[in-house]
PDB file of N, CA and C in Angstrom:
ATOM      1  N   MET A   1     -11.471   3.808  -0.141  1.00  0.00           N
ATOM      2  CA  MET A   1     -11.146   2.321  -0.100  1.00  0.00           C
ATOM      3  C   MET A   1     -12.058   1.652   0.942  1.00  0.00           C
ATOM      4  N   ASN A   2     -12.360   0.474   0.561  1.00  0.00           N
ATOM      5  CA  ASN A   2     -13.247  -0.470   1.219  1.00  0.00           C
ATOM      6  C   ASN A   2     -12.556  -1.407   2.204  1.00  0.00           C
ATOM      7  N   LEU A   3     -13.213  -2.288   2.908  1.00  0.00           N
ATOM      8  CA  LEU A   3     -12.441  -3.129   3.987  1.00  0.00           C
ATOM      9  C   LEU A   3     -11.834  -4.086   3.100  1.00  0.00           C
ATOM     10  N   GLN A   4     -12.192  -4.736   1.974  1.00  0.00           N
ATOM     11  CA  GLN A   4     -11.627  -5.628   1.209  1.00  0.00           C
ATOM     12  C   GLN A   4     -10.243  -5.181   0.548  1.00  0.00           C
ATOM     13  N   GLU A   5     -10.358  -3.738   0.207  1.00  0.00           N
ATOM     14  CA  GLU A   5      -9.160  -3.161  -0.414  1.00  0.00           C
ATOM     15  C   GLU A   5      -8.130  -3.134   0.572  1.00  0.00           C
ATOM     16  N   ALA A   6      -8.486  -2.633   2.017  1.00  0.00           N
ATOM     17  CA  ALA A   6      -7.629  -2.474   2.976  1.00  0.00           C
ATOM     18  C   ALA A   6      -6.752  -3.859   3.352  1.00  0.00           C
ATOM     19  N   GLY A   7      -7.591  -4.907   3.220  1.00  0.00           N
ATOM     20  CA  GLY A   7      -7.016  -6.171   3.269  1.00  0.00           C
ATOM     21  C   GLY A   7      -5.921  -6.617   2.275  1.00  0.00           C
ATOM     22  N   LYS A   8      -6.276  -6.049   1.150  1.00  0.00           N
ATOM     23  CA  LYS A   8      -5.362  -6.203  -0.171  1.00  0.00           C
ATOM     24  C   LYS A   8      -4.217  -5.488  -0.092  1.00  0.00           C
ATOM     25  N   LEU A   9      -4.358  -4.374   0.574  1.00  0.00           N
ATOM     26  CA  LEU A   9      -3.347  -3.348   0.777  1.00  0.00           C
ATOM     27  C   LEU A   9      -2.264  -3.994   1.766  1.00  0.00           C
ATOM     28  N   LEU A  10      -2.748  -4.673   2.717  1.00  0.00           N
ATOM     29  CA  LEU A  10      -1.868  -5.222   3.916  1.00  0.00           C
ATOM     30  C   LEU A  10      -1.241  -6.647   3.049  1.00  0.00           C
ATOM     31  N   LEU A  11      -1.814  -7.240   2.391  1.00  0.00           N
ATOM     32  CA  LEU A  11      -1.090  -8.444   1.456  1.00  0.00           C
ATOM     33  C   LEU A  11      -0.074  -7.828   0.597  1.00  0.00           C
ATOM     34  N   VAL A  12      -0.275  -6.674   0.048  1.00  0.00           N
ATOM     35  CA  VAL A  12       0.691  -6.023  -0.742  1.00  0.00           C
ATOM     36  C   VAL A  12       2.072  -5.784   0.321  1.00  0.00           C
ATOM     37  N   ALA A  13       1.793  -5.116   1.376  1.00  0.00           N
ATOM     38  CA  ALA A  13       2.836  -4.809   2.445  1.00  0.00           C
ATOM     39  C   ALA A  13       3.361  -6.063   2.791  1.00  0.00           C
ATOM     40  N   SER A  14       2.697  -7.128   3.056  1.00  0.00           N
ATOM     41  CA  SER A  14       3.255  -8.332   3.522  1.00  0.00           C
ATOM     42  C   SER A  14       4.151  -8.934   2.640  1.00  0.00           C
ATOM     43  N   GLY A  15       3.892  -8.664   1.109  1.00  0.00           N
ATOM     44  CA  GLY A  15       4.854  -9.146   0.302  1.00  0.00           C
ATOM     45  C   GLY A  15       6.415  -8.537   0.538  1.00  0.00           C
ATOM     46  N   PHE A  16       6.426  -7.456   1.086  1.00  0.00           N
ATOM     47  CA  PHE A  16       7.777  -6.737   1.462  1.00  0.00           C
ATOM     48  C   PHE A  16       8.308  -6.977   2.792  1.00  0.00           C
ATOM     49  N   ASP A  17       7.471  -7.187   3.768  1.00  0.00           N
ATOM     50  CA  ASP A  17       7.837  -7.140   5.205  1.00  0.00           C
ATOM     51  C   ASP A  17       7.282  -8.563   5.879  1.00  0.00           C
ATOM     52  N   ARG A  18       6.627  -9.322   5.167  1.00  0.00           N
ATOM     53  CA  ARG A  18       6.050 -10.525   5.950  1.00  0.00           C
ATOM     54  C   ARG A  18       5.251 -10.313   7.140  1.00  0.00           C
ATOM     55  N   ARG A  19       4.615  -9.002   7.135  1.00  0.00           N
ATOM     56  CA  ARG A  19       3.718  -8.843   8.170  1.00  0.00           C
ATOM     57  C   ARG A  19       2.516  -9.961   8.180  1.00  0.00           C
ATOM     58  N   GLU A  20       1.886  -9.917   9.318  1.00  0.00           N
ATOM     59  CA  GLU A  20       0.531 -10.788   9.564  1.00  0.00           C
ATOM     60  C   GLU A  20      -0.547 -10.012   9.008  1.00  0.00           C
ATOM     61  N   VAL A  21      -1.409 -10.634   8.143  1.00  0.00           N
ATOM     62  CA  VAL A  21      -2.510 -10.166   7.457  1.00  0.00           C
ATOM     63  C   VAL A  21      -3.850 -10.572   8.335  1.00  0.00           C
ATOM     64  N   SER A  22      -4.543  -9.873   8.862  1.00  0.00           N
ATOM     65  CA  SER A  22      -5.804 -10.385   9.550  1.00  0.00           C
ATOM     66  C   SER A  22      -6.964  -9.462   9.532  1.00  0.00           C
ATOM     67  N   GLU A  23      -8.025 -10.011   9.763  1.00  0.00           N
ATOM     68  CA  GLU A  23      -9.295  -9.143   9.733  1.00  0.00           C
ATOM     69  C   GLU A  23      -9.120  -7.914  10.592  1.00  0.00           C
ATOM     70  N   LEU A  24      -8.592  -8.211  11.804  1.00  0.00           N
ATOM     71  CA  LEU A  24      -8.626  -7.091  12.687  1.00  0.00           C
ATOM     72  C   LEU A  24      -7.634  -5.986  12.081  1.00  0.00           C
ATOM     73  N   ASN A  25      -6.297  -6.393  11.577  1.00  0.00           N
ATOM     74  CA  ASN A  25      -5.528  -5.402  10.998  1.00  0.00           C
ATOM     75  C   ASN A  25      -6.280  -4.760   9.852  1.00  0.00           C
ATOM     76  N   ALA A  26      -6.915  -5.427   9.007  1.00  0.00           N
ATOM     77  CA  ALA A  26      -7.453  -4.713   7.850  1.00  0.00           C
ATOM     78  C   ALA A  26      -8.550  -3.823   8.177  1.00  0.00           C
ATOM     79  N   THR A  27      -9.301  -4.114   9.266  1.00  0.00           N
ATOM     80  CA  THR A  27     -10.358  -3.192   9.757  1.00  0.00           C
ATOM     81  C   THR A  27      -9.743  -1.965  10.394  1.00  0.00           C
ATOM     82  N   ALA A  28      -8.629  -2.003  11.104  1.00  0.00           N
ATOM     83  CA  ALA A  28      -7.878  -0.891  11.810  1.00  0.00           C
ATOM     84  C   ALA A  28      -7.239   0.048  10.459  1.00  0.00           C
ATOM     85  N   TRP A  29      -6.689  -0.607   9.490  1.00  0.00           N
ATOM     86  CA  TRP A  29      -6.195   0.075   8.280  1.00  0.00           C
ATOM     87  C   TRP A  29      -7.325   0.680   7.559  1.00  0.00           C
ATOM     88  N   HIS A  30      -8.385   0.090   7.434  1.00  0.00           N
ATOM     89  CA  HIS A  30      -9.686   0.563   6.801  1.00  0.00           C
ATOM     90  C   HIS A  30     -10.120   1.759   7.512  1.00  0.00           C
ATOM     91  N   THR A  31     -10.273   1.877   8.781  1.00  0.00           N
ATOM     92  CA  THR A  31     -10.567   2.818   9.798  1.00  0.00           C
ATOM     93  C   THR A  31      -9.826   4.215   9.453  1.00  0.00           C
ATOM     94  N   ALA A  32      -8.547   3.993   9.334  1.00  0.00           N
ATOM     95  CA  ALA A  32      -7.543   4.988   9.165  1.00  0.00           C
ATOM     96  C   ALA A  32      -7.452   5.532   7.749  1.00  0.00           C
ATOM     97  N   LEU A  33      -7.512   4.607   6.557  1.00  0.00           N
ATOM     98  CA  LEU A  33      -7.347   4.964   5.236  1.00  0.00           C
ATOM     99  C   LEU A  33      -8.510   5.112   4.463  1.00  0.00           C
ATOM    100  N   GLY A  34      -9.704   4.767   5.106  1.00  0.00           N
ATOM    101  CA  GLY A  34     -10.921   4.569   4.245  1.00  0.00           C
ATOM    102  C   GLY A  34     -11.409   5.731   3.405  1.00  0.00           C
ATOM    103  N   LYS A  35     -10.941   6.859   3.737  1.00  0.00           N
ATOM    104  CA  LYS A  35     -11.357   8.093   2.961  1.00  0.00           C
ATOM    105  C   LYS A  35     -10.474   8.301   1.729  1.00  0.00           C
ATOM    106  N   HIS A  36      -9.401   7.495   1.616  1.00  0.00           N
ATOM    107  CA  HIS A  36      -8.405   7.550   0.577  1.00  0.00           C
ATOM    108  C   HIS A  36      -8.724   6.324  -0.526  1.00  0.00           C
ATOM    109  N   SER A  37      -8.208   6.576  -1.698  1.00  0.00           N
ATOM    110  CA  SER A  37      -8.428   5.423  -2.776  1.00  0.00           C
ATOM    111  C   SER A  37      -7.372   4.422  -2.516  1.00  0.00           C
ATOM    112  N   TYR A  38      -7.721   3.175  -2.952  1.00  0.00           N
ATOM    113  CA  TYR A  38      -6.851   2.012  -3.050  1.00  0.00           C
ATOM    114  C   TYR A  38      -5.696   2.445  -3.734  1.00  0.00           C
ATOM    115  N   ASP A  39      -5.749   3.012  -4.803  1.00  0.00           N
ATOM    116  CA  ASP A  39      -4.528   3.094  -5.779  1.00  0.00           C
ATOM    117  C   ASP A  39      -3.550   4.426  -4.915  1.00  0.00           C
ATOM    118  N   GLU A  40      -4.124   5.208  -4.347  1.00  0.00           N
ATOM    119  CA  GLU A  40      -3.137   6.156  -3.663  1.00  0.00           C
ATOM    120  C   GLU A  40      -2.350   5.509  -2.560  1.00  0.00           C
ATOM    121  N   CYS A  41      -3.156   4.616  -1.819  1.00  0.00           N
ATOM    122  CA  CYS A  41      -2.457   3.866  -0.682  1.00  0.00           C
ATOM    123  C   CYS A  41      -1.450   2.900  -1.170  1.00  0.00           C
ATOM    124  N   GLU A  42      -1.938   2.158  -2.357  1.00  0.00           N
ATOM    125  CA  GLU A  42      -0.872   1.236  -2.816  1.00  0.00           C
ATOM    126  C   GLU A  42       0.464   1.882  -3.262  1.00  0.00           C
ATOM    127  N   GLN A  43       0.311   3.094  -3.957  1.00  0.00           N
ATOM    128  CA  GLN A  43       1.335   3.756  -4.313  1.00  0.00           C
ATOM    129  C   GLN A  43       2.268   4.267  -3.342  1.00  0.00           C
ATOM    130  N   ALA A  44       1.671   4.598  -2.108  1.00  0.00           N
ATOM    131  CA  ALA A  44       2.222   5.085  -0.906  1.00  0.00           C
ATOM    132  C   ALA A  44       3.077   3.883  -0.342  1.00  0.00           C
ATOM    133  N   VAL A  45       2.273   2.793  -0.181  1.00  0.00           N
ATOM    134  CA  VAL A  45       3.134   1.477   0.314  1.00  0.00           C
ATOM    135  C   VAL A  45       4.368   1.290  -0.608  1.00  0.00           C
ATOM    136  N   ILE A  46       4.209   1.057  -1.782  1.00  0.00           N
ATOM    137  CA  ILE A  46       5.227   0.844  -2.778  1.00  0.00           C
ATOM    138  C   ILE A  46       6.450   1.831  -2.616  1.00  0.00           C
ATOM    139  N   ALA A  47       5.989   3.067  -2.570  1.00  0.00           N
ATOM    140  CA  ALA A  47       6.829   4.249  -2.462  1.00  0.00           C
ATOM    141  C   ALA A  47       7.856   4.222  -1.103  1.00  0.00           C
ATOM    142  N   HIS A  48       7.037   3.657   0.042  1.00  0.00           N
ATOM    143  CA  HIS A  48       7.816   3.554   1.322  1.00  0.00           C
ATOM    144  C   HIS A  48       8.874   2.402   1.072  1.00  0.00           C
ATOM    145  N   PHE A  49       8.608   1.205   0.592  1.00  0.00           N
ATOM    146  CA  PHE A  49       9.490   0.332   0.293  1.00  0.00           C
ATOM    147  C   PHE A  49      10.713   0.574  -0.633  1.00  0.00           C
ATOM    148  N   THR A  50      10.428   1.476  -1.599  1.00  0.00           N
ATOM    149  CA  THR A  50      11.507   1.772  -2.603  1.00  0.00           C
ATOM    150  C   THR A  50      12.310   2.963  -2.268  1.00  0.00           C
ATOM    151  N   ASP A  51      11.929   3.794  -1.251  1.00  0.00           N
ATOM    152  CA  ASP A  51      12.583   5.087  -0.851  1.00  0.00           C
ATOM    153  C   ASP A  51      13.597   4.744   0.052  1.00  0.00           C
ATOM    154  N   ALA A  52      14.836   5.091  -0.406  1.00  0.00           N
ATOM    155  CA  ALA A  52      15.961   4.869   0.495  1.00  0.00           C
ATOM    156  C   ALA A  52      16.000   5.256   1.889  1.00  0.00           C
ATOM    157  N   ALA A  53      15.327   6.230   2.010  1.00  0.00           N
ATOM    158  CA  ALA A  53      15.260   6.758   3.390  1.00  0.00           C
ATOM    159  C   ALA A  53      14.141   5.950   4.416  1.00  0.00           C
ATOM    160  N   THR A  54      13.314   5.204   3.777  1.00  0.00           N
ATOM    161  CA  THR A  54      12.326   4.527   4.581  1.00  0.00           C
ATOM    162  C   THR A  54      12.273   3.114   4.500  1.00  0.00           C
ATOM    163  N   ARG A  55      12.861   2.571   3.376  1.00  0.00           N
ATOM    164  CA  ARG A  55      12.819   1.122   3.000  1.00  0.00           C
ATOM    165  C   ARG A  55      13.007   0.113   4.103  1.00  0.00           C
ATOM    166  N   HIS A  56      13.742   0.611   5.118  1.00  0.00           N
ATOM    167  CA  HIS A  56      14.170  -0.215   6.234  1.00  0.00           C
ATOM    168  C   HIS A  56      13.513  -0.065   7.548  1.00  0.00           C
ATOM    169  N   GLU A  57      12.428   0.896   7.485  1.00  0.00           N
ATOM    170  CA  GLU A  57      11.589   1.127   8.579  1.00  0.00           C
ATOM    171  C   GLU A  57      10.273   0.172   8.274  1.00  0.00           C
ATOM    172  N   TYR A  58       9.773  -0.308   9.460  1.00  0.00           N
ATOM    173  CA  TYR A  58       8.563  -1.037   9.519  1.00  0.00           C
ATOM    174  C   TYR A  58       7.397  -0.130   9.141  1.00  0.00           C
ATOM    175  N   LEU A  59       6.669  -0.497   8.081  1.00  0.00           N
ATOM    176  CA  LEU A  59       5.561   0.358   7.491  1.00  0.00           C
ATOM    177  C   LEU A  59       4.350   0.487   8.447  1.00  0.00           C
ATOM    178  N   THR A  60       3.997   1.637   8.814  1.00  0.00           N
ATOM    179  CA  THR A  60       2.821   1.644   9.576  1.00  0.00           C
ATOM    180  C   THR A  60       1.608   2.629   8.742  1.00  0.00           C
ATOM    181  N   VAL A  61       0.511   2.607   9.268  1.00  0.00           N
ATOM    182  CA  VAL A  61      -0.665   3.244   8.667  1.00  0.00           C
ATOM    183  C   VAL A  61      -0.329   4.763   8.574  1.00  0.00           C
ATOM    184  N   GLY A  62       0.636   5.269   9.613  1.00  0.00           N
ATOM    185  CA  GLY A  62       0.998   6.703   9.522  1.00  0.00           C
ATOM    186  C   GLY A  62       1.884   7.008   8.404  1.00  0.00           C
ATOM    187  N   HIS A  63       2.827   5.986   8.137  1.00  0.00           N
ATOM    188  CA  HIS A  63       3.471   6.151   6.785  1.00  0.00           C
ATOM    189  C   HIS A  63       2.894   6.256   5.771  1.00  0.00           C
ATOM    190  N   VAL A  64       1.718   5.410   5.521  1.00  0.00           N
ATOM    191  CA  VAL A  64       0.885   5.515   4.307  1.00  0.00           C
ATOM    192  C   VAL A  64       0.100   6.917   4.264  1.00  0.00           C
ATOM    193  N   LEU A  65      -0.319   7.420   5.514  1.00  0.00           N
ATOM    194  CA  LEU A  65      -1.135   8.647   5.632  1.00  0.00           C
ATOM    195  C   LEU A  65      -0.240   9.889   5.201  1.00  0.00           C
ATOM    196  N   ASP A  66       0.816   9.882   5.769  1.00  0.00           N
ATOM    197  CA  ASP A  66       1.823  10.873   5.416  1.00  0.00           C
ATOM    198  C   ASP A  66       2.132  11.005   3.775  1.00  0.00           C
ATOM    199  N   ARG A  67       2.375   9.867   3.342  1.00  0.00           N
ATOM    200  CA  ARG A  67       2.685   9.834   1.795  1.00  0.00           C
ATOM    201  C   ARG A  67       1.296  10.234   0.956  1.00  0.00           C
ATOM    202  N   VAL A  68       0.322   9.631   1.348  1.00  0.00           N
ATOM    203  CA  VAL A  68      -0.974  10.062   0.469  1.00  0.00           C
ATOM    204  C   VAL A  68      -1.238  11.563   0.727  1.00  0.00           C
ATOM    205  N   GLU A  69      -1.325  11.992   1.941  1.00  0.00           N
ATOM    206  CA  GLU A  69      -1.552  13.309   2.162  1.00  0.00           C
ATOM    207  C   GLU A  69      -0.613  14.383   1.514  1.00  0.00           C
ATOM    208  N   ALA A  70       0.697  14.086   1.432  1.00  0.00           N
ATOM    209  CA  ALA A  70       1.722  14.829   0.722  1.00  0.00           C
ATOM    210  C   ALA A  70       1.531  14.701  -0.753  1.00  0.00           C
ATOM    211  N   GLN A  71       1.174  13.734  -1.119  1.00  0.00           N
ATOM    212  CA  GLN A  71       0.854  13.563  -2.730  1.00  0.00           C
ATOM    213  C   GLN A  71      -0.308  14.481  -3.140  1.00  0.00           C
ATOM    214  N   GLY A  72      -1.255  14.473  -2.110  1.00  0.00           N
ATOM    215  CA  GLY A  72      -2.464  15.406  -2.456  1.00  0.00           C
ATOM    216  C   GLY A  72      -2.228  16.908  -2.493  1.00  0.00           C
ATOM    217  N   ARG A  73      -1.017  17.246  -2.017  1.00  0.00           N
ATOM    218  CA  ARG A  73      -0.574  18.674  -2.093  1.00  0.00           C
ATOM    219  C   ARG A  73       0.500  18.947  -2.871  1.00  0.00           C
ATOM    220  N   MET A  74       0.657  18.264  -4.015  1.00  0.00           N
ATOM    221  CA  MET A  74       1.807  18.369  -4.933  1.00  0.00           C
ATOM    222  C   MET A  74       1.330  19.244  -6.043  1.00  0.00           C
ATOM    223  N   SER A  75       0.014  19.528  -6.329  1.00  0.00           N
ATOM    224  CA  SER A  75      -0.327  20.346  -7.530  1.00  0.00           C
ATOM    225  C   SER A  75       0.383  21.780  -7.278  1.00  0.00           C
ATOM    226  N   LYS A  76       0.367  22.566  -8.442  1.00  0.00           N
ATOM    227  CA  LYS A  76       1.139  23.816  -8.305  1.00  0.00           C
ATOM    228  C   LYS A  76       0.370  24.657  -7.488  1.00  0.00           C
ATOM    229  N   ARG A  77      -1.065  24.702  -7.614  1.00  0.00           N
ATOM    230  CA  ARG A  77      -1.798  25.410  -6.697  1.00  0.00           C
ATOM    231  C   ARG A  77      -1.739  25.075  -5.115  1.00  0.00           C
ATOM    232  N   ALA A  78      -1.620  23.946  -4.784  1.00  0.00           N
ATOM    233  CA  ALA A  78      -1.604  23.471  -3.521  1.00  0.00           C
ATOM    234  C   ALA A  78      -0.345  23.802  -2.865  1.00  0.00           C
ATOM    235  N   VAL A  79       0.819  23.848  -3.735  1.00  0.00           N
ATOM    236  CA  VAL A  79       2.278  24.152  -3.381  1.00  0.00           C
ATOM    237  C   VAL A  79       2.238  25.433  -2.787  1.00  0.00           C
ATOM    238  N   GLU A  80       1.769  26.447  -3.886  1.00  0.00           N
ATOM    239  CA  GLU A  80       1.908  27.789  -3.546  1.00  0.00           C
ATOM    240  C   GLU A  80       1.064  28.138  -2.265  1.00  0.00           C
ATOM    241  N   ALA A  81      -0.144  27.395  -2.194  1.00  0.00           N
ATOM    242  CA  ALA A  81      -0.873  27.936  -1.041  1.00  0.00           C
ATOM    243  C   ALA A  81      -0.263  27.324   0.381  1.00  0.00           C
ATOM    244  N   ASP A  82       0.510  26.143   0.235  1.00  0.00           N
ATOM    245  CA  ASP A  82       1.039  25.784   1.422  1.00  0.00           C
ATOM    246  C   ASP A  82       2.428  26.649   1.844  1.00  0.00           C
ATOM    247  N   VAL A  83       2.996  26.967   0.940  1.00  0.00           N
ATOM    248  CA  VAL A  83       3.998  27.841   0.979  1.00  0.00           C
ATOM    249  C   VAL A  83       3.685  29.276   1.641  1.00  0.00           C
ATOM    250  N   ARG A  84       2.505  29.862   0.977  1.00  0.00           N
ATOM    251  CA  ARG A  84       2.005  31.223   1.601  1.00  0.00           C
ATOM    252  C   ARG A  84       1.622  30.901   3.003  1.00  0.00           C
ATOM    253  N   SER A  85       0.946  30.028   3.373  1.00  0.00           N
ATOM    254  CA  SER A  85       0.508  29.648   4.784  1.00  0.00           C
ATOM    255  C   SER A  85       1.719  29.371   5.600  1.00  0.00           C
ATOM    256  N   ALA A  86       2.537  28.489   5.276  1.00  0.00           N
ATOM    257  CA  ALA A  86       3.909  28.317   6.009  1.00  0.00           C
ATOM    258  C   ALA A  86       4.630  29.703   6.236  1.00  0.00           C
ATOM    259  N   LYS A  87       4.674  30.579   5.361  1.00  0.00           N
ATOM    260  CA  LYS A  87       5.383  31.779   5.607  1.00  0.00           C
ATOM    261  C   LYS A  87       4.576  32.635   6.474  1.00  0.00           C
ATOM    262  N   ALA A  88       3.211  32.672   6.378  1.00  0.00           N
ATOM    263  CA  ALA A  88       2.452  33.368   7.261  1.00  0.00           C
ATOM    264  C   ALA A  88       2.427  33.107   8.656  1.00  0.00           C
ATOM    265  N   ARG A  89       2.685  31.789   8.673  1.00  0.00           N
ATOM    266  CA  ARG A  89       2.834  31.124  10.139  1.00  0.00           C
ATOM    267  C   ARG A  89       4.149  31.216  10.827  1.00  0.00           C
ATOM    268  N   GLY A  90       5.044  31.668   9.802  1.00  0.00           N
ATOM    269  CA  GLY A  90       6.521  31.821  10.346  1.00  0.00           C
ATOM    270  C   GLY A  90       7.149  30.210  10.438  1.00  0.00           C
ATOM    271  N   LEU A  91       6.568  29.437   9.651  1.00  0.00           N
ATOM    272  CA  LEU A  91       7.399  28.060   9.697  1.00  0.00           C
ATOM    273  C   LEU A  91       8.522  27.927   8.665  1.00  0.00           C
ATOM    274  N   ILE A  92       8.636  28.861   7.857  1.00  0.00           N
ATOM    275  CA  ILE A  92       9.577  29.057   6.758  1.00  0.00           C
ATOM    276  C   ILE A  92       9.896  30.535   6.578  1.00  0.00           C
ATOM    277  N   ASP A  93      11.098  30.502   6.163  1.00  0.00           N
ATOM    278  CA  ASP A  93      11.695  31.985   5.880  1.00  0.00           C
ATOM    279  C   ASP A  93      10.864  32.649   4.718  1.00  0.00           C
ATOM    280  N   ARG A  94      10.651  33.980   4.789  1.00  0.00           N
ATOM    281  CA  ARG A  94       9.834  34.608   3.689  1.00  0.00           C
ATOM    282  C   ARG A  94      10.605  34.618   2.328  1.00  0.00           C
ATOM    283  N   SER A  95      11.824  34.316   2.295  1.00  0.00           N
ATOM    284  CA  SER A  95      12.604  34.165   0.952  1.00  0.00           C
ATOM    285  C   SER A  95      12.346  32.657   0.367  1.00  0.00           C
ATOM    286  N   TYR A  96      11.745  31.840   1.055  1.00  0.00           N
ATOM    287  CA  TYR A  96      11.512  30.447   0.587  1.00  0.00           C
ATOM    288  C   TYR A  96      10.758  30.435  -0.968  1.00  0.00           C
ATOM    289  N   PRO A  97      11.076  29.826  -1.930  1.00  0.00           N
ATOM    290  CA  PRO A  97      10.525  29.740  -3.361  1.00  0.00           C
ATOM    291  C   PRO A  97       9.053  29.453  -3.204  1.00  0.00           C
ATOM    292  N   ALA A  98       8.340  30.306  -3.801  1.00  0.00           N
ATOM    293  CA  ALA A  98       6.840  30.020  -3.751  1.00  0.00           C
ATOM    294  C   ALA A  98       6.468  28.712  -4.440  1.00  0.00           C
ATOM    295  N   ARG A  99       7.202  28.284  -5.362  1.00  0.00           N
ATOM    296  CA  ARG A  99       6.727  26.830  -6.100  1.00  0.00           C
ATOM    297  C   ARG A  99       7.464  25.679  -5.783  1.00  0.00           C
ATOM    298  N   GLU A 100       8.162  25.813  -4.641  1.00  0.00           N
ATOM    299  CA  GLU A 100       8.938  24.467  -4.323  1.00  0.00           C
ATOM    300  C   GLU A 100       8.113  23.796  -3.153  1.00  0.00           C
ATOM    301  N   PRO A 101       7.936  22.589  -3.209  1.00  0.00           N
ATOM    302  CA  PRO A 101       7.205  21.911  -2.304  1.00  0.00           C
ATOM    303  C   PRO A 101       8.023  22.085  -0.937  1.00  0.00           C
ATOM    304  N   LEU A 102       6.900  22.187   0.183  1.00  0.00           N
ATOM    305  CA  LEU A 102       7.549  22.361   1.484  1.00  0.00           C
ATOM    306  C   LEU A 102       8.457  21.077   1.880  1.00  0.00           C
ATOM    307  N   PRO A 103       9.588  21.364   2.807  1.00  0.00           N
ATOM    308  CA  PRO A 103      10.136  20.036   3.360  1.00  0.00           C
ATOM    309  C   PRO A 103       9.214  19.345   4.308  1.00  0.00           C
ATOM    310  N   VAL A 104       9.615  18.234   4.316  1.00  0.00           N
ATOM    311  CA  VAL A 104       8.582  17.170   5.061  1.00  0.00           C
ATOM    312  C   VAL A 104       8.257  17.680   6.497  1.00  0.00           C
ATOM    313  N   ASP A 105       9.267  18.004   7.280  1.00  0.00           N
ATOM    314  CA  ASP A 105       8.920  18.627   8.607  1.00  0.00           C
ATOM    315  C   ASP A 105       8.095  19.474   8.505  1.00  0.00           C
ATOM    316  N   VAL A 106       8.237  20.461   7.773  1.00  0.00           N
ATOM    317  CA  VAL A 106       7.494  21.794   7.671  1.00  0.00           C
ATOM    318  C   VAL A 106       6.109  21.559   7.119  1.00  0.00           C
ATOM    319  N   ALA A 107       5.914  20.658   6.112  1.00  0.00           N
ATOM    320  CA  ALA A 107       4.569  20.262   5.865  1.00  0.00           C
ATOM    321  C   ALA A 107       3.830  19.626   7.046  1.00  0.00           C
ATOM    322  N   ARG A 108       4.474  18.711   7.706  1.00  0.00           N
ATOM    323  CA  ARG A 108       3.919  18.016   8.835  1.00  0.00           C
ATOM    324  C   ARG A 108       3.294  19.326   9.886  1.00  0.00           C
ATOM    325  N   ARG A 109       4.318  20.212  10.250  1.00  0.00           N
ATOM    326  CA  ARG A 109       3.993  21.169  11.249  1.00  0.00           C
ATOM    327  C   ARG A 109       2.741  22.190  10.657  1.00  0.00           C
ATOM    328  N   LEU A 110       2.770  22.395   9.392  1.00  0.00           N
ATOM    329  CA  LEU A 110       1.723  23.099   8.846  1.00  0.00           C
ATOM    330  C   LEU A 110       0.392  22.379   8.758  1.00  0.00           C
ATOM    331  N   ALA A 111       0.482  20.876   8.518  1.00  0.00           N
ATOM    332  CA  ALA A 111      -0.698  20.188   8.720  1.00  0.00           C
ATOM    333  C   ALA A 111      -1.285  20.191  10.137  1.00  0.00           C
ATOM    334  N   GLU A 112      -0.420  20.044  11.135  1.00  0.00           N
ATOM    335  CA  GLU A 112      -0.810  20.179  12.432  1.00  0.00           C
ATOM    336  C   GLU A 112      -1.364  21.460  12.696  1.00  0.00           C
ATOM    337  N   ALA A 113      -1.028  22.312  12.392  1.00  0.00           N
ATOM    338  CA  ALA A 113      -1.318  23.899  12.844  1.00  0.00           C
ATOM    339  C   ALA A 113      -2.706  24.081  12.168  1.00  0.00           C
ATOM    340  N   ARG A 114      -2.925  23.481  10.776  1.00  0.00           N
ATOM    341  CA  ARG A 114      -4.169  23.523  10.314  1.00  0.00           C
ATOM    342  C   ARG A 114      -5.326  22.683  11.152  1.00  0.00           C
ATOM    343  N   ARG A 115      -4.842  21.625  11.400  1.00  0.00           N
ATOM    344  CA  ARG A 115      -5.749  20.552  12.326  1.00  0.00           C
ATOM    345  C   ARG A 115      -6.321  21.409  13.540  1.00  0.00           C
ATOM    346  N   ARG A 116      -5.194  21.926  14.234  1.00  0.00           N
ATOM    347  CA  ARG A 116      -5.596  22.772  15.456  1.00  0.00           C
ATOM    348  C   ARG A 116      -6.476  23.729  15.089  1.00  0.00           C
ATOM    349  N   ASP A 117      -6.365  24.639  13.980  1.00  0.00           N
ATOM    350  CA  ASP A 117      -7.195  25.556  13.639  1.00  0.00           C
ATOM    351  C   ASP A 117      -8.623  25.111  13.627  1.00  0.00           C
ATOM    352  N   MET A 118      -8.650  24.025  12.812  1.00  0.00           N
ATOM    353  CA  MET A 118     -10.079  23.234  12.658  1.00  0.00           C
ATOM    354  C   MET A 118     -10.742  22.962  13.965  1.00  0.00           C
ATOM    355  N   GLU A 119      -9.942  22.518  14.695  1.00  0.00           N
ATOM    356  CA  GLU A 119     -10.467  22.112  16.162  1.00  0.00           C
ATOM    357  C   GLU A 119     -11.192  23.218  16.904  1.00  0.00           C
ATOM    358  N   GLN A 120     -10.378  24.472  16.774  1.00  0.00           N
ATOM    359  CA  GLN A 120     -10.870  25.819  17.303  1.00  0.00           C
ATOM    360  C   GLN A 120     -12.057  26.221  16.820  1.00  0.00           C
ATOM    361  N   VAL A 121     -12.144  26.069  15.486  1.00  0.00           N
ATOM    362  CA  VAL A 121     -13.368  26.598  14.811  1.00  0.00           C
ATOM    363  C   VAL A 121     -14.554  25.628  15.084  1.00  0.00           C
ATOM    364  N   GLN A 122     -14.425  24.477  15.213  1.00  0.00           N
ATOM    365  CA  GLN A 122     -15.515  23.606  15.539  1.00  0.00           C
ATOM    366  C   GLN A 122     -15.823  23.887  17.120  1.00  0.00           C
ATOM    367  N   GLU A 123     -15.021  24.140  17.979  1.00  0.00           N
ATOM    368  CA  GLU A 123     -15.244  24.418  19.401  1.00  0.00           C
ATOM    369  C   GLU A 123     -16.051  25.753  19.510  1.00  0.00           C
ATOM    370  N   LEU A 124     -15.588  26.765  18.602  1.00  0.00           N
ATOM    371  CA  LEU A 124     -16.448  27.981  18.646  1.00  0.00           C
ATOM    372  C   LEU A 124     -18.019  27.758  18.065  1.00  0.00           C
ATOM    373  N   GLU A 125     -18.020  26.819  17.097  1.00  0.00           N
ATOM    374  CA  GLU A 125     -19.319  26.747  16.340  1.00  0.00           C
ATOM    375  C   GLU A 125     -20.273  25.828  17.322  1.00  0.00           C
ATOM    376  N   SER A 126     -19.618  25.231  18.314  1.00  0.00           N
ATOM    377  CA  SER A 126     -20.336  24.369  19.237  1.00  0.00           C
ATOM    378  C   SER A 126     -21.166  25.101  20.358  1.00  0.00           C
TER     379      SER A 126
END
């Protein structure tokens, strides 16, 4: 997503919550979301405001990232890989179904564990 699209995304969000759209906000959102496509992010914004669990929460860039990243992990192959990894790390019980997407809290803990692993690898390579 480019800077103009980040501004457009904020305009979409402002249609729901009347947020202020500024160049500074667009730059910040672009910095955080730039590696994702506009379409993915727009779907995440709309999903946030139409999901009964989140529609009353003020939308943050973190909400958008969580939804975009979760959607990226929904293919059959990705779900099975995540379940295997979560089982190996002891994040879920061994009896958890291999093809059922992880609960949101487990998926976040798994993503955090993977991030820490990558940081350790980078430190070792330095």
